[in-house]
Amino acid sequence: MNTRIMILTVLLAAPLSGCISFGAKPPPSLLTLTSASGLAVGETQKSNAAGTITIGVPAVSQELASNRVPVHSGGTAIAYVKDAQWVEPPSRLFARLLSDTITAQTGRVVLSYRQSRMDPGAQLTGELRAFGIDEETSEAVVTYDAALLRGADPVFEKRRFEARVPVTKIDSEGVGPALNQAANKVAAEIADWVGK
């Protein structure tokens, strides 16, 4: 008798299995950042011929810890752009963009944390304070608080960088290019600062 009930339950549940979903439907496409400063393919860099730098993944608030694009509207209200999602957390995308831009603009060799044990060089860390949309001004906003240790001398330099780029429409197609442009502006300013 138990076998019949079990078979009947399985047969009745089979058509419903296509209706059950355990996660949100993925958006049609994902957003990423691309560097405006191109790296030369095949070019060899040597740490004995150029300065080195280690770039840390920025710290972020809970608002930016997800792969979604936040929209600030009037003071303390935060929403997220529908169907706009990063391919990976913005902090990692921004760190990679910084690495490419600093290498292209300064010629410095960007090291991983493991490589930096042998040759620490300069160290760039910081906090990504804003990486989203300001609804009131219709702008993409990227704000990064940087801390730079230039060498063995334990003196940190701190500086805030910010870029704002107009957004034509706050939707999944309009926010990506504007945030990419703002992130590249900030990365270029940081590379100039690091290169001094």
N, C-alpha and C. Protein backbone atom coordinates (compact mmCIF):
# COMPACT_ATOMS: atom_id res chain seq x y z
N MET A 1 0.82 -1.19 0.00
CA MET A 1 0.00 0.00 0.00
C MET A 1 0.87 1.26 0.00
N ASN A 2 1.95 1.27 0.77
CA ASN A 2 2.84 2.42 0.83
C ASN A 2 3.50 2.69 -0.52
N THR A 3 3.80 1.62 -1.25
CA THR A 3 4.44 1.77 -2.55
C THR A 3 3.52 2.49 -3.51
N ARG A 4 2.21 2.16 -3.50
CA ARG A 4 1.25 2.82 -4.39
C ARG A 4 1.13 4.32 -4.07
N ILE A 5 1.12 4.65 -2.81
CA ILE A 5 1.01 6.06 -2.40
C ILE A 5 2.26 6.82 -2.83
N MET A 6 3.40 6.19 -2.68
CA MET A 6 4.65 6.85 -3.06
C MET A 6 4.71 7.07 -4.58
N ILE A 7 4.30 6.08 -5.35
CA ILE A 7 4.30 6.22 -6.82
C ILE A 7 3.32 7.29 -7.24
N LEU A 8 2.15 7.32 -6.63
CA LEU A 8 1.14 8.32 -6.95
C LEU A 8 1.64 9.73 -6.61
N THR A 9 2.32 9.90 -5.49
CA THR A 9 2.88 11.19 -5.08
C THR A 9 3.91 11.67 -6.08
N VAL A 10 4.79 10.78 -6.51
CA VAL A 10 5.82 11.14 -7.48
C VAL A 10 5.19 11.54 -8.81
N LEU A 11 4.17 10.80 -9.27
CA LEU A 11 3.51 11.11 -10.54
C LEU A 11 2.79 12.45 -10.49
N LEU A 12 2.19 12.75 -9.35
CA LEU A 12 1.49 14.03 -9.21
C LEU A 12 2.45 15.21 -9.08
N ALA A 13 3.60 14.98 -8.49
CA ALA A 13 4.58 16.06 -8.28
C ALA A 13 5.40 16.34 -9.54
N ALA A 14 5.52 15.40 -10.45
CA ALA A 14 6.36 15.57 -11.65
C ALA A 14 5.98 16.78 -12.48
N PRO A 15 4.68 17.04 -12.77
CA PRO A 15 4.37 18.23 -13.57
C PRO A 15 4.69 19.54 -12.84
N LEU A 16 4.69 19.52 -11.52
CA LEU A 16 4.97 20.74 -10.75
C LEU A 16 6.46 21.07 -10.68
N SER A 17 7.32 20.09 -10.96
CA SER A 17 8.76 20.32 -10.81
C SER A 17 9.27 21.42 -11.73
N GLY A 18 8.63 21.64 -12.86
CA GLY A 18 9.03 22.73 -13.77
C GLY A 18 8.62 24.10 -13.25
N CYS A 19 7.70 24.14 -12.29
CA CYS A 19 7.20 25.40 -11.74
C CYS A 19 7.98 25.85 -10.52
N ILE A 20 8.72 24.96 -9.92
CA ILE A 20 9.42 25.28 -8.69
C ILE A 20 10.76 25.93 -9.02
N SER A 21 11.04 27.03 -8.33
CA SER A 21 12.30 27.74 -8.53
C SER A 21 12.91 28.06 -7.17
N PHE A 22 14.21 27.81 -7.03
CA PHE A 22 14.87 28.07 -5.76
C PHE A 22 15.73 29.33 -5.79
N GLY A 23 15.70 30.11 -6.82
CA GLY A 23 16.48 31.34 -6.91
C GLY A 23 15.79 32.32 -7.86
N ALA A 24 16.24 33.55 -7.84
CA ALA A 24 15.67 34.56 -8.72
C ALA A 24 16.08 34.27 -10.16
N LYS A 25 15.23 34.68 -11.07
CA LYS A 25 15.53 34.52 -12.50
C LYS A 25 16.69 35.44 -12.85
N PRO A 26 17.72 34.91 -13.51
CA PRO A 26 18.87 35.76 -13.84
C PRO A 26 18.49 36.81 -14.88
N PRO A 27 19.14 37.98 -14.84
CA PRO A 27 18.85 39.01 -15.84
C PRO A 27 19.36 38.55 -17.22
N PRO A 28 18.88 39.20 -18.28
CA PRO A 28 19.29 38.80 -19.64
C PRO A 28 20.80 38.94 -19.87
N SER A 29 21.43 39.92 -19.22
CA SER A 29 22.88 40.08 -19.34
C SER A 29 23.42 40.64 -18.03
N LEU A 30 24.74 40.48 -17.83
CA LEU A 30 25.39 40.97 -16.61
C LEU A 30 26.32 42.13 -16.96
N LEU A 31 26.55 43.01 -15.99
CA LEU A 31 27.40 44.18 -16.18
C LEU A 31 28.83 43.88 -15.74
N THR A 32 29.79 44.55 -16.36
CA THR A 32 31.18 44.46 -15.96
C THR A 32 31.86 45.80 -16.19
N LEU A 33 33.09 45.93 -15.74
CA LEU A 33 33.89 47.13 -15.98
C LEU A 33 34.98 46.80 -16.99
N THR A 34 35.24 47.73 -17.89
CA THR A 34 36.34 47.56 -18.84
C THR A 34 37.26 48.77 -18.72
N SER A 35 38.55 48.53 -18.77
CA SER A 35 39.53 49.59 -18.59
C SER A 35 39.66 50.42 -19.86
N ALA A 36 39.68 51.74 -19.69
CA ALA A 36 39.91 52.65 -20.82
C ALA A 36 41.39 52.69 -21.18
N SER A 37 42.24 52.26 -20.26
CA SER A 37 43.69 52.20 -20.49
C SER A 37 44.06 50.78 -20.85
N GLY A 38 44.37 50.58 -22.12
CA GLY A 38 44.67 49.23 -22.58
C GLY A 38 46.06 48.77 -22.18
N LEU A 39 46.18 47.50 -21.86
CA LEU A 39 47.46 46.89 -21.56
C LEU A 39 47.99 46.24 -22.84
N ALA A 40 49.28 46.37 -23.07
CA ALA A 40 49.89 45.78 -24.26
C ALA A 40 49.98 44.26 -24.08
N VAL A 41 49.50 43.54 -25.06
CA VAL A 41 49.56 42.08 -25.03
C VAL A 41 50.98 41.64 -25.33
N GLY A 42 51.48 40.71 -24.53
CA GLY A 42 52.80 40.15 -24.78
C GLY A 42 53.97 40.94 -24.21
N GLU A 43 53.71 42.09 -23.61
CA GLU A 43 54.78 42.90 -23.03
C GLU A 43 55.18 42.33 -21.67
N THR A 44 56.46 42.13 -21.48
CA THR A 44 56.98 41.59 -20.21
C THR A 44 57.32 42.72 -19.27
N GLN A 45 56.91 42.56 -18.02
CA GLN A 45 57.25 43.53 -16.98
C GLN A 45 58.18 42.85 -15.99
N LYS A 46 59.15 43.60 -15.48
CA LYS A 46 60.08 43.06 -14.50
C LYS A 46 60.10 43.98 -13.28
N SER A 47 60.00 43.37 -12.11
CA SER A 47 59.96 44.16 -10.89
C SER A 47 61.29 44.83 -10.57
N ASN A 48 62.39 44.36 -11.18
CA ASN A 48 63.68 45.01 -10.93
C ASN A 48 63.88 46.23 -11.82
N ALA A 49 63.01 46.38 -12.83
CA ALA A 49 63.13 47.51 -13.75
C ALA A 49 62.06 48.57 -13.54
N ALA A 50 61.04 48.26 -12.76
CA ALA A 50 59.94 49.20 -12.52
C ALA A 50 59.49 49.09 -11.08
N GLY A 51 58.85 50.11 -10.59
CA GLY A 51 58.31 50.07 -9.24
C GLY A 51 57.19 49.04 -9.15
N THR A 52 56.97 48.53 -7.95
CA THR A 52 55.90 47.56 -7.74
C THR A 52 54.84 48.14 -6.82
N ILE A 53 53.65 47.59 -6.93
CA ILE A 53 52.54 48.01 -6.09
C ILE A 53 51.60 46.83 -5.87
N THR A 54 51.05 46.76 -4.68
CA THR A 54 50.05 45.75 -4.35
C THR A 54 48.74 46.50 -4.14
N ILE A 55 47.69 46.06 -4.82
CA ILE A 55 46.40 46.73 -4.74
C ILE A 55 45.40 45.81 -4.05
N GLY A 56 44.87 46.28 -2.94
CA GLY A 56 43.90 45.49 -2.18
C GLY A 56 42.49 45.67 -2.73
N VAL A 57 41.68 44.63 -2.57
CA VAL A 57 40.26 44.73 -2.92
C VAL A 57 39.63 45.70 -1.93
N PRO A 58 38.94 46.73 -2.40
CA PRO A 58 38.38 47.74 -1.49
C PRO A 58 37.36 47.17 -0.51
N ALA A 59 37.34 47.74 0.67
CA ALA A 59 36.28 47.44 1.62
C ALA A 59 35.00 48.12 1.13
N VAL A 60 33.86 47.51 1.41
CA VAL A 60 32.57 48.08 0.98
C VAL A 60 31.55 47.94 2.10
N SER A 61 30.52 48.76 2.04
CA SER A 61 29.40 48.64 2.96
C SER A 61 28.49 47.51 2.47
N GLN A 62 27.52 47.14 3.27
CA GLN A 62 26.58 46.09 2.88
C GLN A 62 25.83 46.45 1.61
N GLU A 63 25.59 47.72 1.42
CA GLU A 63 24.90 48.20 0.21
C GLU A 63 25.63 47.76 -1.07
N LEU A 64 26.96 47.76 -1.04
CA LEU A 64 27.76 47.41 -2.21
C LEU A 64 28.30 45.98 -2.16
N ALA A 65 27.96 45.24 -1.13
CA ALA A 65 28.45 43.86 -1.01
C ALA A 65 27.71 42.90 -1.94
N SER A 66 26.62 43.35 -2.52
CA SER A 66 25.87 42.50 -3.45
C SER A 66 26.29 42.82 -4.88
N ASN A 67 25.74 42.09 -5.82
CA ASN A 67 26.05 42.31 -7.24
C ASN A 67 25.04 43.24 -7.91
N ARG A 68 24.22 43.90 -7.12
CA ARG A 68 23.18 44.77 -7.66
C ARG A 68 23.65 46.23 -7.69
N VAL A 69 22.95 47.06 -8.47
CA VAL A 69 23.31 48.47 -8.63
C VAL A 69 22.37 49.32 -7.78
N PRO A 70 22.91 49.98 -6.72
CA PRO A 70 22.06 50.77 -5.84
C PRO A 70 21.70 52.13 -6.45
N VAL A 71 20.50 52.58 -6.10
CA VAL A 71 20.01 53.90 -6.50
C VAL A 71 19.62 54.64 -5.23
N HIS A 72 20.28 55.79 -5.00
CA HIS A 72 19.95 56.63 -3.85
C HIS A 72 18.91 57.65 -4.29
N SER A 73 17.82 57.69 -3.53
CA SER A 73 16.76 58.65 -3.86
C SER A 73 16.33 59.37 -2.60
N GLY A 74 16.71 60.62 -2.52
CA GLY A 74 16.26 61.47 -1.43
C GLY A 74 16.70 61.04 -0.05
N GLY A 75 17.88 61.42 0.32
CA GLY A 75 18.34 61.17 1.68
C GLY A 75 18.77 59.75 1.96
N THR A 76 17.92 59.00 2.69
CA THR A 76 18.33 57.68 3.17
C THR A 76 17.71 56.51 2.42
N ALA A 77 16.91 56.76 1.41
CA ALA A 77 16.24 55.68 0.68
C ALA A 77 17.17 55.08 -0.38
N ILE A 78 17.24 53.75 -0.39
CA ILE A 78 18.05 53.04 -1.37
C ILE A 78 17.18 51.97 -2.03
N ALA A 79 17.23 51.93 -3.36
CA ALA A 79 16.57 50.87 -4.13
C ALA A 79 17.63 50.27 -5.04
N TYR A 80 17.27 49.28 -5.81
CA TYR A 80 18.21 48.68 -6.76
C TYR A 80 17.61 48.70 -8.15
N VAL A 81 18.45 48.88 -9.16
CA VAL A 81 17.99 48.93 -10.55
C VAL A 81 17.51 47.54 -10.95
N LYS A 82 16.30 47.48 -11.48
CA LYS A 82 15.71 46.21 -11.90
C LYS A 82 16.53 45.62 -13.05
N ASP A 83 16.83 44.35 -12.94
CA ASP A 83 17.56 43.57 -13.97
C ASP A 83 18.98 44.06 -14.23
N ALA A 84 19.54 44.84 -13.32
CA ALA A 84 20.94 45.28 -13.47
C ALA A 84 21.76 44.56 -12.40
N GLN A 85 22.69 43.74 -12.85
CA GLN A 85 23.49 42.94 -11.92
C GLN A 85 24.91 42.82 -12.45
N TRP A 86 25.89 42.99 -11.54
CA TRP A 86 27.30 42.86 -11.90
C TRP A 86 27.66 41.38 -12.05
N VAL A 87 28.64 41.09 -12.86
CA VAL A 87 29.10 39.73 -13.06
C VAL A 87 29.82 39.20 -11.81
N GLU A 88 30.38 40.09 -11.01
CA GLU A 88 30.98 39.76 -9.72
C GLU A 88 30.89 41.01 -8.85
N PRO A 89 31.18 40.93 -7.56
CA PRO A 89 31.04 42.10 -6.69
C PRO A 89 31.81 43.32 -7.22
N PRO A 90 31.22 44.51 -7.12
CA PRO A 90 31.87 45.73 -7.62
C PRO A 90 33.26 45.97 -7.05
N SER A 91 33.50 45.56 -5.81
CA SER A 91 34.82 45.78 -5.21
C SER A 91 35.91 45.04 -5.99
N ARG A 92 35.64 43.83 -6.42
CA ARG A 92 36.63 43.06 -7.19
C ARG A 92 36.80 43.62 -8.59
N LEU A 93 35.69 44.02 -9.21
CA LEU A 93 35.77 44.63 -10.54
C LEU A 93 36.59 45.91 -10.49
N PHE A 94 36.36 46.72 -9.45
CA PHE A 94 37.08 48.00 -9.33
C PHE A 94 38.56 47.77 -9.06
N ALA A 95 38.90 46.78 -8.23
CA ALA A 95 40.31 46.47 -7.95
C ALA A 95 41.03 46.05 -9.24
N ARG A 96 40.37 45.26 -10.06
CA ARG A 96 40.98 44.83 -11.33
C ARG A 96 41.15 46.01 -12.28
N LEU A 97 40.16 46.90 -12.31
CA LEU A 97 40.25 48.10 -13.15
C LEU A 97 41.40 48.98 -12.68
N LEU A 98 41.56 49.14 -11.37
CA LEU A 98 42.69 49.91 -10.82
C LEU A 98 44.02 49.29 -11.24
N SER A 99 44.12 47.97 -11.15
CA SER A 99 45.36 47.28 -11.53
C SER A 99 45.72 47.56 -12.99
N ASP A 100 44.74 47.41 -13.87
CA ASP A 100 45.00 47.65 -15.31
C ASP A 100 45.39 49.11 -15.57
N THR A 101 44.67 50.03 -14.96
CA THR A 101 44.91 51.46 -15.19
C THR A 101 46.26 51.89 -14.64
N ILE A 102 46.59 51.46 -13.43
CA ILE A 102 47.87 51.84 -12.83
C ILE A 102 49.03 51.26 -13.62
N THR A 103 48.90 50.02 -14.06
CA THR A 103 49.96 49.41 -14.88
C THR A 103 50.13 50.18 -16.19
N ALA A 104 49.03 50.48 -16.87
CA ALA A 104 49.09 51.16 -18.16
C ALA A 104 49.63 52.58 -18.04
N GLN A 105 49.22 53.31 -17.00
CA GLN A 105 49.60 54.72 -16.88
C GLN A 105 50.94 54.96 -16.20
N THR A 106 51.34 54.06 -15.31
CA THR A 106 52.57 54.32 -14.55
C THR A 106 53.70 53.37 -14.88
N GLY A 107 53.40 52.24 -15.50
CA GLY A 107 54.42 51.24 -15.78
C GLY A 107 54.77 50.38 -14.58
N ARG A 108 54.10 50.61 -13.45
CA ARG A 108 54.38 49.81 -12.25
C ARG A 108 53.91 48.37 -12.45
N VAL A 109 54.58 47.47 -11.78
CA VAL A 109 54.20 46.07 -11.79
C VAL A 109 53.24 45.84 -10.63
N VAL A 110 52.03 45.40 -10.95
CA VAL A 110 51.03 45.13 -9.92
C VAL A 110 51.20 43.69 -9.45
N LEU A 111 51.40 43.54 -8.14
CA LEU A 111 51.65 42.23 -7.56
C LEU A 111 50.42 41.71 -6.82
N SER A 112 50.31 40.37 -6.76
CA SER A 112 49.30 39.76 -5.91
C SER A 112 49.83 39.79 -4.47
N TYR A 113 48.97 39.48 -3.51
CA TYR A 113 49.43 39.48 -2.11
C TYR A 113 50.53 38.44 -1.88
N ARG A 114 50.41 37.31 -2.53
CA ARG A 114 51.44 36.28 -2.37
C ARG A 114 52.78 36.77 -2.93
N GLN A 115 52.77 37.41 -4.09
CA GLN A 115 54.00 37.92 -4.69
C GLN A 115 54.59 39.05 -3.86
N SER A 116 53.74 39.82 -3.20
CA SER A 116 54.22 40.98 -2.44
C SER A 116 55.02 40.60 -1.20
N ARG A 117 54.98 39.35 -0.82
CA ARG A 117 55.80 38.91 0.33
C ARG A 117 57.28 39.04 0.02
N MET A 118 57.66 38.85 -1.24
CA MET A 118 59.06 38.95 -1.63
C MET A 118 59.47 40.39 -1.91
N ASP A 119 58.55 41.17 -2.49
CA ASP A 119 58.85 42.55 -2.87
C ASP A 119 57.61 43.39 -2.59
N PRO A 120 57.45 43.90 -1.37
CA PRO A 120 56.20 44.56 -1.03
C PRO A 120 55.89 45.80 -1.87
N GLY A 121 56.89 46.59 -2.22
CA GLY A 121 56.63 47.79 -3.01
C GLY A 121 55.63 48.70 -2.33
N ALA A 122 54.92 49.47 -3.13
CA ALA A 122 53.88 50.35 -2.60
C ALA A 122 52.63 49.51 -2.34
N GLN A 123 51.77 50.02 -1.47
CA GLN A 123 50.52 49.31 -1.16
C GLN A 123 49.36 50.30 -1.24
N LEU A 124 48.35 49.93 -2.02
CA LEU A 124 47.16 50.76 -2.17
C LEU A 124 45.97 49.99 -1.61
N THR A 125 45.34 50.57 -0.61
CA THR A 125 44.12 49.99 -0.04
C THR A 125 43.08 51.10 0.02
N GLY A 126 41.86 50.74 0.37
CA GLY A 126 40.85 51.78 0.49
C GLY A 126 39.45 51.24 0.65
N GLU A 127 38.51 52.16 0.60
CA GLU A 127 37.09 51.81 0.74
C GLU A 127 36.32 52.41 -0.42
N LEU A 128 35.54 51.57 -1.05
CA LEU A 128 34.64 52.02 -2.12
C LEU A 128 33.37 52.53 -1.44
N ARG A 129 33.25 53.86 -1.32
CA ARG A 129 32.15 54.46 -0.56
C ARG A 129 30.87 54.57 -1.35
N ALA A 130 30.97 54.81 -2.65
CA ALA A 130 29.79 54.91 -3.50
C ALA A 130 30.10 54.26 -4.84
N PHE A 131 29.14 53.49 -5.33
CA PHE A 131 29.28 52.85 -6.63
C PHE A 131 27.87 52.57 -7.12
N GLY A 132 27.17 53.65 -7.45
CA GLY A 132 25.77 53.50 -7.84
C GLY A 132 25.24 54.75 -8.49
N ILE A 133 23.93 54.95 -8.37
CA ILE A 133 23.22 56.02 -9.06
C ILE A 133 22.61 56.97 -8.04
N ASP A 134 22.74 58.28 -8.31
CA ASP A 134 22.06 59.32 -7.54
C ASP A 134 20.85 59.72 -8.36
N GLU A 135 19.65 59.34 -7.90
CA GLU A 135 18.43 59.58 -8.66
C GLU A 135 18.12 61.07 -8.79
N GLU A 136 18.39 61.84 -7.76
CA GLU A 136 18.06 63.27 -7.78
C GLU A 136 18.83 64.03 -8.85
N THR A 137 20.11 63.66 -9.07
CA THR A 137 20.92 64.36 -10.06
C THR A 137 21.06 63.58 -11.37
N SER A 138 20.51 62.36 -11.40
CA SER A 138 20.63 61.46 -12.56
C SER A 138 22.09 61.28 -12.96
N GLU A 139 22.90 60.89 -11.96
CA GLU A 139 24.33 60.68 -12.19
C GLU A 139 24.78 59.35 -11.62
N ALA A 140 25.74 58.75 -12.32
CA ALA A 140 26.47 57.61 -11.77
C ALA A 140 27.55 58.18 -10.89
N VAL A 141 27.71 57.63 -9.68
CA VAL A 141 28.66 58.17 -8.71
C VAL A 141 29.60 57.06 -8.24
N VAL A 142 30.90 57.33 -8.36
CA VAL A 142 31.92 56.43 -7.83
C VAL A 142 32.79 57.24 -6.88
N THR A 143 32.85 56.82 -5.62
CA THR A 143 33.66 57.48 -4.60
C THR A 143 34.56 56.42 -3.95
N TYR A 144 35.86 56.73 -3.93
CA TYR A 144 36.84 55.80 -3.36
C TYR A 144 37.75 56.55 -2.41
N ASP A 145 37.81 56.08 -1.17
CA ASP A 145 38.74 56.63 -0.17
C ASP A 145 40.00 55.77 -0.21
N ALA A 146 41.10 56.35 -0.69
CA ALA A 146 42.34 55.60 -0.89
C ALA A 146 43.32 55.84 0.23
N ALA A 147 44.12 54.81 0.52
CA ALA A 147 45.24 54.91 1.45
C ALA A 147 46.44 54.30 0.75
N LEU A 148 47.51 55.09 0.63
CA LEU A 148 48.70 54.66 -0.11
C LEU A 148 49.91 54.66 0.80
N LEU A 149 50.59 53.54 0.85
CA LEU A 149 51.87 53.40 1.52
C LEU A 149 52.89 53.26 0.40
N ARG A 150 53.73 54.27 0.22
CA ARG A 150 54.60 54.32 -0.95
C ARG A 150 55.82 53.40 -0.87
N GLY A 151 56.24 53.01 0.30
CA GLY A 151 57.43 52.17 0.43
C GLY A 151 57.60 51.66 1.84
N ALA A 152 58.84 51.43 2.22
CA ALA A 152 59.15 50.86 3.53
C ALA A 152 58.86 51.83 4.67
N ASP A 153 58.91 53.14 4.41
CA ASP A 153 58.62 54.14 5.43
C ASP A 153 57.13 54.07 5.78
N PRO A 154 56.77 53.84 7.04
CA PRO A 154 55.36 53.66 7.39
C PRO A 154 54.57 54.96 7.46
N VAL A 155 54.47 55.64 6.34
CA VAL A 155 53.68 56.88 6.25
C VAL A 155 52.59 56.67 5.21
N PHE A 156 51.35 56.75 5.67
CA PHE A 156 50.22 56.59 4.76
C PHE A 156 49.78 57.93 4.22
N GLU A 157 49.44 57.97 2.94
CA GLU A 157 48.79 59.12 2.33
C GLU A 157 47.35 58.71 2.10
N LYS A 158 46.42 59.59 2.46
CA LYS A 158 45.01 59.28 2.24
C LYS A 158 44.39 60.37 1.37
N ARG A 159 43.49 59.93 0.51
CA ARG A 159 42.84 60.88 -0.40
C ARG A 159 41.52 60.31 -0.88
N ARG A 160 40.53 61.18 -1.03
CA ARG A 160 39.22 60.77 -1.57
C ARG A 160 39.15 61.14 -3.05
N PHE A 161 38.67 60.20 -3.84
CA PHE A 161 38.48 60.41 -5.28
C PHE A 161 37.00 60.20 -5.60
N GLU A 162 36.47 61.05 -6.46
CA GLU A 162 35.06 60.90 -6.85
C GLU A 162 34.87 61.34 -8.29
N ALA A 163 34.00 60.63 -8.99
CA ALA A 163 33.60 61.00 -10.35
C ALA A 163 32.10 60.85 -10.48
N ARG A 164 31.52 61.78 -11.22
CA ARG A 164 30.07 61.76 -11.49
C ARG A 164 29.87 61.86 -13.00
N VAL A 165 29.04 60.98 -13.52
CA VAL A 165 28.76 60.93 -14.96
C VAL A 165 27.25 60.92 -15.14
N PRO A 166 26.71 61.77 -16.04
CA PRO A 166 25.26 61.78 -16.27
C PRO A 166 24.74 60.43 -16.78
N VAL A 167 23.55 60.07 -16.31
CA VAL A 167 22.87 58.86 -16.75
C VAL A 167 21.63 59.29 -17.51
N THR A 168 21.48 58.81 -18.74
CA THR A 168 20.33 59.21 -19.54
C THR A 168 19.04 58.56 -19.04
N LYS A 169 19.14 57.29 -18.65
CA LYS A 169 17.96 56.57 -18.16
C LYS A 169 18.42 55.58 -17.08
N ILE A 170 17.71 55.57 -15.96
CA ILE A 170 18.08 54.67 -14.86
C ILE A 170 17.41 53.32 -15.09
N ASP A 171 18.07 52.51 -15.90
CA ASP A 171 17.61 51.14 -16.16
C ASP A 171 18.83 50.26 -16.39
N SER A 172 18.60 49.00 -16.66
CA SER A 172 19.71 48.04 -16.77
C SER A 172 20.65 48.36 -17.93
N GLU A 173 20.18 49.05 -18.95
CA GLU A 173 21.04 49.39 -20.09
C GLU A 173 21.76 50.72 -19.91
N GLY A 174 21.20 51.63 -19.13
CA GLY A 174 21.78 52.96 -18.99
C GLY A 174 22.82 53.11 -17.89
N VAL A 175 22.71 52.29 -16.83
CA VAL A 175 23.60 52.49 -15.69
C VAL A 175 25.00 51.92 -15.90
N GLY A 176 25.12 50.83 -16.61
CA GLY A 176 26.42 50.17 -16.80
C GLY A 176 27.47 51.05 -17.44
N PRO A 177 27.18 51.62 -18.64
CA PRO A 177 28.18 52.48 -19.29
C PRO A 177 28.56 53.71 -18.46
N ALA A 178 27.58 54.31 -17.77
CA ALA A 178 27.87 55.50 -16.96
C ALA A 178 28.76 55.14 -15.77
N LEU A 179 28.49 54.04 -15.10
CA LEU A 179 29.33 53.61 -13.97
C LEU A 179 30.72 53.20 -14.44
N ASN A 180 30.80 52.59 -15.62
CA ASN A 180 32.10 52.22 -16.18
C ASN A 180 32.94 53.48 -16.45
N GLN A 181 32.31 54.50 -17.01
CA GLN A 181 33.01 55.75 -17.30
C GLN A 181 33.46 56.44 -16.01
N ALA A 182 32.59 56.48 -15.01
CA ALA A 182 32.95 57.10 -13.73
C ALA A 182 34.08 56.33 -13.04
N ALA A 183 34.02 55.01 -13.07
CA ALA A 183 35.07 54.19 -12.46
C ALA A 183 36.40 54.40 -13.15
N ASN A 184 36.39 54.55 -14.48
CA ASN A 184 37.63 54.80 -15.21
C ASN A 184 38.21 56.17 -14.89
N LYS A 185 37.36 57.17 -14.69
CA LYS A 185 37.84 58.50 -14.30
C LYS A 185 38.55 58.44 -12.95
N VAL A 186 37.92 57.77 -11.99
CA VAL A 186 38.52 57.64 -10.66
C VAL A 186 39.83 56.88 -10.75
N ALA A 187 39.84 55.77 -11.50
CA ALA A 187 41.06 54.96 -11.63
C ALA A 187 42.20 55.76 -12.26
N ALA A 188 41.89 56.60 -13.25
CA ALA A 188 42.91 57.42 -13.90
C ALA A 188 43.48 58.45 -12.93
N GLU A 189 42.62 59.06 -12.11
CA GLU A 189 43.10 60.03 -11.12
C GLU A 189 43.98 59.35 -10.06
N ILE A 190 43.59 58.15 -9.66
CA ILE A 190 44.38 57.40 -8.68
C ILE A 190 45.74 57.03 -9.28
N ALA A 191 45.75 56.62 -10.54
CA ALA A 191 47.03 56.26 -11.20
C ALA A 191 47.95 57.47 -11.26
N ASP A 192 47.41 58.66 -11.56
CA ASP A 192 48.23 59.89 -11.55
C ASP A 192 48.82 60.13 -10.17
N TRP A 193 48.02 59.95 -9.14
CA TRP A 193 48.44 60.16 -7.75
C TRP A 193 49.53 59.16 -7.35
N VAL A 194 49.31 57.90 -7.70
CA VAL A 194 50.28 56.84 -7.38
C VAL A 194 51.60 57.07 -8.14
N GLY A 195 51.50 57.57 -9.37
CA GLY A 195 52.68 57.75 -10.21
C GLY A 195 53.57 58.89 -9.81
N LYS A 196 53.15 59.75 -8.90
CA LYS A 196 53.96 60.90 -8.48
C LYS A 196 55.18 60.48 -7.72
